[in-house]
Amino acid sequence: MGKFILKTDSAKKVIDIELEGTFTEEDGLKSIQAYKETISAITPADYQLQIDCRKLNVTAPEVVPLLEGCFIMFKSDGFVRVNLTLENNPVLKMQLSRLGRKAGLENLEIISV
């Protein structure tokens, strides 16, 4: 089961998202709904999106289209920058990089720690 935590820092103009575990389609849909509720109160073009993926597992093939939809959504919302922080996980980094490119998310930065 996947878990997510969303926080908005209006002073720093940052939305922090923490992802953990393995997301099912249901988990993904719940996180998208929470995300949409969070950004409805702000102007995304003024904010950075920082997503902590250090505890996230590689996405199962059946959930990849949902994740790709998230990247497309991040692009259309127009954030200043989208940062993904990962543990040193080459497979997950490759998967997220590919989805970011496919979605045309040019302001995506993936940081391995």
N, C-alpha and C. Protein backbone atom coordinates (compact mmCIF):
# COMPACT_ATOMS: atom_id res chain seq x y z
N MET A 1 0.84 -1.19 0.00
CA MET A 1 0.00 0.00 0.00
C MET A 1 0.87 1.24 0.00
N GLY A 2 0.49 2.22 -0.78
CA GLY A 2 1.24 3.47 -0.86
C GLY A 2 0.67 4.51 0.08
N LYS A 3 1.57 5.33 0.62
CA LYS A 3 1.15 6.44 1.50
C LYS A 3 1.69 7.74 0.91
N PHE A 4 0.95 8.82 1.17
CA PHE A 4 1.39 10.13 0.70
C PHE A 4 1.04 11.18 1.73
N ILE A 5 1.91 12.20 1.80
CA ILE A 5 1.70 13.34 2.70
C ILE A 5 1.92 14.59 1.85
N LEU A 6 0.97 15.52 1.90
CA LEU A 6 1.05 16.78 1.17
C LEU A 6 1.15 17.94 2.16
N LYS A 7 2.09 18.85 1.91
CA LYS A 7 2.22 20.04 2.74
C LYS A 7 2.48 21.24 1.84
N THR A 8 1.85 22.36 2.16
CA THR A 8 2.08 23.59 1.41
C THR A 8 2.81 24.58 2.31
N ASP A 9 3.91 25.13 1.81
CA ASP A 9 4.65 26.17 2.51
C ASP A 9 4.48 27.45 1.69
N SER A 10 3.48 28.26 2.07
CA SER A 10 3.16 29.47 1.32
C SER A 10 4.28 30.50 1.38
N ALA A 11 5.00 30.55 2.49
CA ALA A 11 6.08 31.52 2.63
C ALA A 11 7.22 31.22 1.65
N LYS A 12 7.57 29.95 1.52
CA LYS A 12 8.66 29.55 0.62
C LYS A 12 8.17 29.23 -0.79
N LYS A 13 6.84 29.24 -0.98
CA LYS A 13 6.24 28.91 -2.28
C LYS A 13 6.64 27.51 -2.74
N VAL A 14 6.43 26.54 -1.84
CA VAL A 14 6.79 25.15 -2.11
C VAL A 14 5.65 24.23 -1.70
N ILE A 15 5.37 23.24 -2.52
CA ILE A 15 4.48 22.15 -2.13
C ILE A 15 5.37 20.93 -1.96
N ASP A 16 5.32 20.35 -0.77
CA ASP A 16 6.09 19.14 -0.47
C ASP A 16 5.15 17.95 -0.50
N ILE A 17 5.55 16.92 -1.22
CA ILE A 17 4.81 15.66 -1.26
C ILE A 17 5.78 14.56 -0.86
N GLU A 18 5.36 13.74 0.08
CA GLU A 18 6.17 12.60 0.49
C GLU A 18 5.44 11.33 0.09
N LEU A 19 6.11 10.47 -0.67
CA LEU A 19 5.52 9.22 -1.15
C LEU A 19 6.26 8.05 -0.52
N GLU A 20 5.49 7.01 -0.19
CA GLU A 20 6.10 5.85 0.48
C GLU A 20 5.39 4.57 0.05
N GLY A 21 6.17 3.52 -0.14
CA GLY A 21 5.60 2.20 -0.40
C GLY A 21 5.31 1.94 -1.87
N THR A 22 4.39 1.01 -2.10
CA THR A 22 3.99 0.62 -3.44
C THR A 22 2.55 1.09 -3.67
N PHE A 23 2.36 1.92 -4.67
CA PHE A 23 1.05 2.48 -4.94
C PHE A 23 0.21 1.56 -5.82
N THR A 24 -1.03 1.35 -5.38
CA THR A 24 -2.02 0.67 -6.21
C THR A 24 -2.72 1.76 -7.01
N GLU A 25 -3.58 1.37 -7.92
CA GLU A 25 -4.34 2.37 -8.68
C GLU A 25 -5.21 3.18 -7.73
N GLU A 26 -5.81 2.53 -6.74
CA GLU A 26 -6.67 3.23 -5.76
C GLU A 26 -5.86 4.25 -4.96
N ASP A 27 -4.66 3.85 -4.51
CA ASP A 27 -3.79 4.79 -3.78
C ASP A 27 -3.45 5.99 -4.65
N GLY A 28 -3.15 5.71 -5.92
CA GLY A 28 -2.81 6.78 -6.85
C GLY A 28 -3.95 7.75 -7.06
N LEU A 29 -5.15 7.22 -7.21
CA LEU A 29 -6.32 8.09 -7.41
C LEU A 29 -6.59 8.95 -6.17
N LYS A 30 -6.41 8.39 -4.97
CA LYS A 30 -6.60 9.16 -3.74
C LYS A 30 -5.56 10.27 -3.64
N SER A 31 -4.32 9.97 -4.01
CA SER A 31 -3.27 10.99 -3.93
C SER A 31 -3.51 12.10 -4.95
N ILE A 32 -4.01 11.75 -6.13
CA ILE A 32 -4.32 12.76 -7.15
C ILE A 32 -5.43 13.68 -6.66
N GLN A 33 -6.45 13.11 -6.03
CA GLN A 33 -7.55 13.92 -5.50
C GLN A 33 -7.04 14.89 -4.43
N ALA A 34 -6.20 14.41 -3.53
CA ALA A 34 -5.63 15.28 -2.49
C ALA A 34 -4.76 16.37 -3.11
N TYR A 35 -3.99 16.01 -4.13
CA TYR A 35 -3.15 16.97 -4.84
C TYR A 35 -4.00 18.07 -5.46
N LYS A 36 -5.08 17.68 -6.16
CA LYS A 36 -5.94 18.67 -6.81
C LYS A 36 -6.58 19.61 -5.80
N GLU A 37 -6.97 19.08 -4.65
CA GLU A 37 -7.54 19.92 -3.60
C GLU A 37 -6.50 20.90 -3.07
N THR A 38 -5.27 20.43 -2.93
CA THR A 38 -4.19 21.28 -2.42
C THR A 38 -3.87 22.41 -3.39
N ILE A 39 -3.74 22.11 -4.67
CA ILE A 39 -3.34 23.16 -5.61
C ILE A 39 -4.48 24.10 -5.99
N SER A 40 -5.71 23.72 -5.68
CA SER A 40 -6.83 24.61 -6.01
C SER A 40 -6.77 25.92 -5.22
N ALA A 41 -6.04 25.92 -4.12
CA ALA A 41 -5.95 27.11 -3.26
C ALA A 41 -4.73 27.98 -3.57
N ILE A 42 -3.92 27.59 -4.57
CA ILE A 42 -2.70 28.34 -4.89
C ILE A 42 -2.61 28.60 -6.38
N THR A 43 -1.58 29.36 -6.77
CA THR A 43 -1.23 29.54 -8.18
C THR A 43 0.04 28.72 -8.43
N PRO A 44 -0.08 27.52 -9.02
CA PRO A 44 1.08 26.65 -9.17
C PRO A 44 2.27 27.29 -9.87
N ALA A 45 2.03 28.22 -10.79
CA ALA A 45 3.13 28.86 -11.52
C ALA A 45 4.05 29.67 -10.59
N ASP A 46 3.61 29.93 -9.37
CA ASP A 46 4.42 30.64 -8.38
C ASP A 46 5.17 29.69 -7.45
N TYR A 47 4.93 28.40 -7.60
CA TYR A 47 5.43 27.41 -6.63
C TYR A 47 6.39 26.40 -7.26
N GLN A 48 7.22 25.81 -6.40
CA GLN A 48 8.01 24.64 -6.75
C GLN A 48 7.29 23.43 -6.17
N LEU A 49 7.40 22.31 -6.85
CA LEU A 49 6.85 21.06 -6.37
C LEU A 49 8.02 20.16 -6.01
N GLN A 50 8.10 19.78 -4.74
CA GLN A 50 9.18 18.92 -4.27
C GLN A 50 8.58 17.61 -3.81
N ILE A 51 8.97 16.54 -4.48
CA ILE A 51 8.41 15.23 -4.19
C ILE A 51 9.51 14.32 -3.65
N ASP A 52 9.32 13.86 -2.43
CA ASP A 52 10.27 12.98 -1.76
C ASP A 52 9.88 11.54 -2.08
N CYS A 53 10.68 10.89 -2.92
CA CYS A 53 10.41 9.51 -3.35
C CYS A 53 11.39 8.53 -2.72
N ARG A 54 12.07 8.94 -1.65
CA ARG A 54 13.11 8.08 -1.08
C ARG A 54 12.57 6.77 -0.54
N LYS A 55 11.28 6.74 -0.15
CA LYS A 55 10.69 5.51 0.39
C LYS A 55 9.70 4.88 -0.59
N LEU A 56 9.71 5.39 -1.83
CA LEU A 56 8.79 4.89 -2.86
C LEU A 56 9.41 3.68 -3.55
N ASN A 57 8.59 2.66 -3.81
CA ASN A 57 9.04 1.48 -4.53
C ASN A 57 8.82 1.69 -6.03
N VAL A 58 9.49 0.89 -6.84
CA VAL A 58 9.31 0.95 -8.29
C VAL A 58 7.83 0.71 -8.59
N THR A 59 7.31 1.45 -9.55
CA THR A 59 5.89 1.38 -9.88
C THR A 59 5.58 0.14 -10.71
N ALA A 60 4.50 -0.55 -10.33
CA ALA A 60 4.04 -1.73 -11.06
C ALA A 60 3.54 -1.30 -12.44
N PRO A 61 3.71 -2.16 -13.45
CA PRO A 61 3.32 -1.80 -14.82
C PRO A 61 1.88 -1.31 -14.97
N GLU A 62 0.96 -1.88 -14.21
CA GLU A 62 -0.44 -1.48 -14.36
C GLU A 62 -0.73 -0.09 -13.80
N VAL A 63 0.19 0.46 -12.99
CA VAL A 63 -0.01 1.78 -12.39
C VAL A 63 0.77 2.86 -13.15
N VAL A 64 1.65 2.45 -14.06
CA VAL A 64 2.48 3.40 -14.81
C VAL A 64 1.65 4.44 -15.57
N PRO A 65 0.54 4.08 -16.25
CA PRO A 65 -0.25 5.11 -16.93
C PRO A 65 -0.77 6.19 -15.98
N LEU A 66 -1.12 5.81 -14.76
CA LEU A 66 -1.59 6.77 -13.77
C LEU A 66 -0.46 7.72 -13.38
N LEU A 67 0.74 7.17 -13.19
CA LEU A 67 1.91 7.98 -12.86
C LEU A 67 2.26 8.93 -14.01
N GLU A 68 2.17 8.42 -15.23
CA GLU A 68 2.42 9.27 -16.39
C GLU A 68 1.42 10.42 -16.43
N GLY A 69 0.17 10.12 -16.09
CA GLY A 69 -0.86 11.16 -16.02
C GLY A 69 -0.52 12.22 -14.99
N CYS A 70 0.11 11.81 -13.89
CA CYS A 70 0.54 12.77 -12.86
C CYS A 70 1.59 13.72 -13.43
N PHE A 71 2.55 13.18 -14.18
CA PHE A 71 3.59 14.02 -14.77
C PHE A 71 2.98 15.02 -15.75
N ILE A 72 2.02 14.56 -16.54
CA ILE A 72 1.33 15.45 -17.49
C ILE A 72 0.59 16.54 -16.71
N MET A 73 -0.03 16.16 -15.61
CA MET A 73 -0.75 17.12 -14.76
C MET A 73 0.22 18.15 -14.17
N PHE A 74 1.39 17.69 -13.70
CA PHE A 74 2.38 18.62 -13.15
C PHE A 74 2.81 19.63 -14.22
N LYS A 75 2.98 19.14 -15.46
CA LYS A 75 3.37 20.04 -16.55
C LYS A 75 2.26 21.07 -16.81
N SER A 76 1.02 20.61 -16.93
CA SER A 76 -0.08 21.53 -17.25
C SER A 76 -0.36 22.51 -16.12
N ASP A 77 -0.04 22.12 -14.88
CA ASP A 77 -0.24 23.04 -13.75
C ASP A 77 0.81 24.15 -13.74
N GLY A 78 1.94 23.94 -14.42
CA GLY A 78 2.90 25.02 -14.65
C GLY A 78 3.80 25.40 -13.48
N PHE A 79 4.19 24.43 -12.66
CA PHE A 79 5.10 24.73 -11.56
C PHE A 79 6.41 25.32 -12.06
N VAL A 80 7.04 26.17 -11.23
CA VAL A 80 8.34 26.74 -11.55
C VAL A 80 9.34 25.61 -11.78
N ARG A 81 9.33 24.63 -10.89
CA ARG A 81 10.26 23.49 -10.96
C ARG A 81 9.59 22.30 -10.28
N VAL A 82 9.91 21.11 -10.77
CA VAL A 82 9.46 19.87 -10.15
C VAL A 82 10.71 19.08 -9.78
N ASN A 83 10.93 18.88 -8.48
CA ASN A 83 12.08 18.13 -7.98
C ASN A 83 11.62 16.80 -7.41
N LEU A 84 12.28 15.73 -7.82
CA LEU A 84 12.05 14.41 -7.24
C LEU A 84 13.33 14.00 -6.53
N THR A 85 13.21 13.62 -5.26
CA THR A 85 14.36 13.14 -4.51
C THR A 85 14.22 11.64 -4.31
N LEU A 86 15.26 10.89 -4.71
CA LEU A 86 15.24 9.43 -4.63
C LEU A 86 16.43 8.95 -3.81
N GLU A 87 16.26 7.76 -3.22
CA GLU A 87 17.43 7.04 -2.72
C GLU A 87 18.21 6.63 -3.95
N ASN A 88 19.39 6.11 -3.77
CA ASN A 88 20.17 5.65 -4.91
C ASN A 88 19.50 4.40 -5.49
N ASN A 89 18.52 4.60 -6.36
CA ASN A 89 17.73 3.52 -6.95
C ASN A 89 17.71 3.73 -8.47
N PRO A 90 18.67 3.15 -9.19
CA PRO A 90 18.77 3.37 -10.63
C PRO A 90 17.52 2.98 -11.42
N VAL A 91 16.83 1.92 -11.01
CA VAL A 91 15.64 1.47 -11.73
C VAL A 91 14.52 2.50 -11.60
N LEU A 92 14.26 2.97 -10.38
CA LEU A 92 13.22 3.97 -10.17
C LEU A 92 13.59 5.28 -10.86
N LYS A 93 14.85 5.67 -10.79
CA LYS A 93 15.29 6.91 -11.45
C LYS A 93 15.06 6.82 -12.95
N MET A 94 15.41 5.68 -13.54
CA MET A 94 15.22 5.49 -14.98
C MET A 94 13.72 5.55 -15.33
N GLN A 95 12.89 4.89 -14.51
CA GLN A 95 11.45 4.86 -14.76
C GLN A 95 10.86 6.28 -14.70
N LEU A 96 11.22 7.04 -13.66
CA LEU A 96 10.67 8.39 -13.49
C LEU A 96 11.22 9.34 -14.55
N SER A 97 12.50 9.20 -14.90
CA SER A 97 13.09 10.04 -15.96
C SER A 97 12.37 9.82 -17.28
N ARG A 98 12.13 8.56 -17.61
CA ARG A 98 11.45 8.23 -18.87
C ARG A 98 10.04 8.81 -18.90
N LEU A 99 9.32 8.68 -17.79
CA LEU A 99 7.95 9.20 -17.73
C LEU A 99 7.94 10.73 -17.82
N GLY A 100 8.93 11.37 -17.18
CA GLY A 100 9.03 12.83 -17.26
C GLY A 100 9.28 13.30 -18.68
N ARG A 101 10.20 12.61 -19.38
CA ARG A 101 10.48 12.97 -20.78
C ARG A 101 9.24 12.75 -21.65
N LYS A 102 8.58 11.61 -21.45
CA LYS A 102 7.39 11.28 -22.25
C LYS A 102 6.28 12.31 -22.05
N ALA A 103 6.17 12.83 -20.83
CA ALA A 103 5.15 13.84 -20.52
C ALA A 103 5.57 15.24 -20.96
N GLY A 104 6.84 15.39 -21.38
CA GLY A 104 7.33 16.71 -21.79
C GLY A 104 7.58 17.64 -20.61
N LEU A 105 7.85 17.07 -19.44
CA LEU A 105 8.09 17.86 -18.23
C LEU A 105 9.54 18.32 -18.22
N GLU A 106 9.80 19.47 -18.85
CA GLU A 106 11.16 19.95 -19.05
C GLU A 106 11.81 20.52 -17.79
N ASN A 107 11.00 20.91 -16.81
CA ASN A 107 11.56 21.50 -15.59
C ASN A 107 11.68 20.47 -14.47
N LEU A 108 11.79 19.20 -14.85
CA LEU A 108 11.94 18.10 -13.89
C LEU A 108 13.41 17.91 -13.53
N GLU A 109 13.67 17.82 -12.24
CA GLU A 109 15.02 17.51 -11.76
C GLU A 109 14.91 16.32 -10.82
N ILE A 110 15.71 15.29 -11.10
CA ILE A 110 15.71 14.10 -10.25
C ILE A 110 17.04 14.06 -9.50
N ILE A 111 16.95 14.05 -8.17
CA ILE A 111 18.12 14.10 -7.31
C ILE A 111 18.24 12.78 -6.58
N SER A 112 19.38 12.11 -6.73
CA SER A 112 19.65 10.86 -6.00
C SER A 112 20.50 11.18 -4.79
N VAL A 113 20.07 10.67 -3.63
CA VAL A 113 20.85 10.90 -2.39
C VAL A 113 21.34 9.60 -1.81
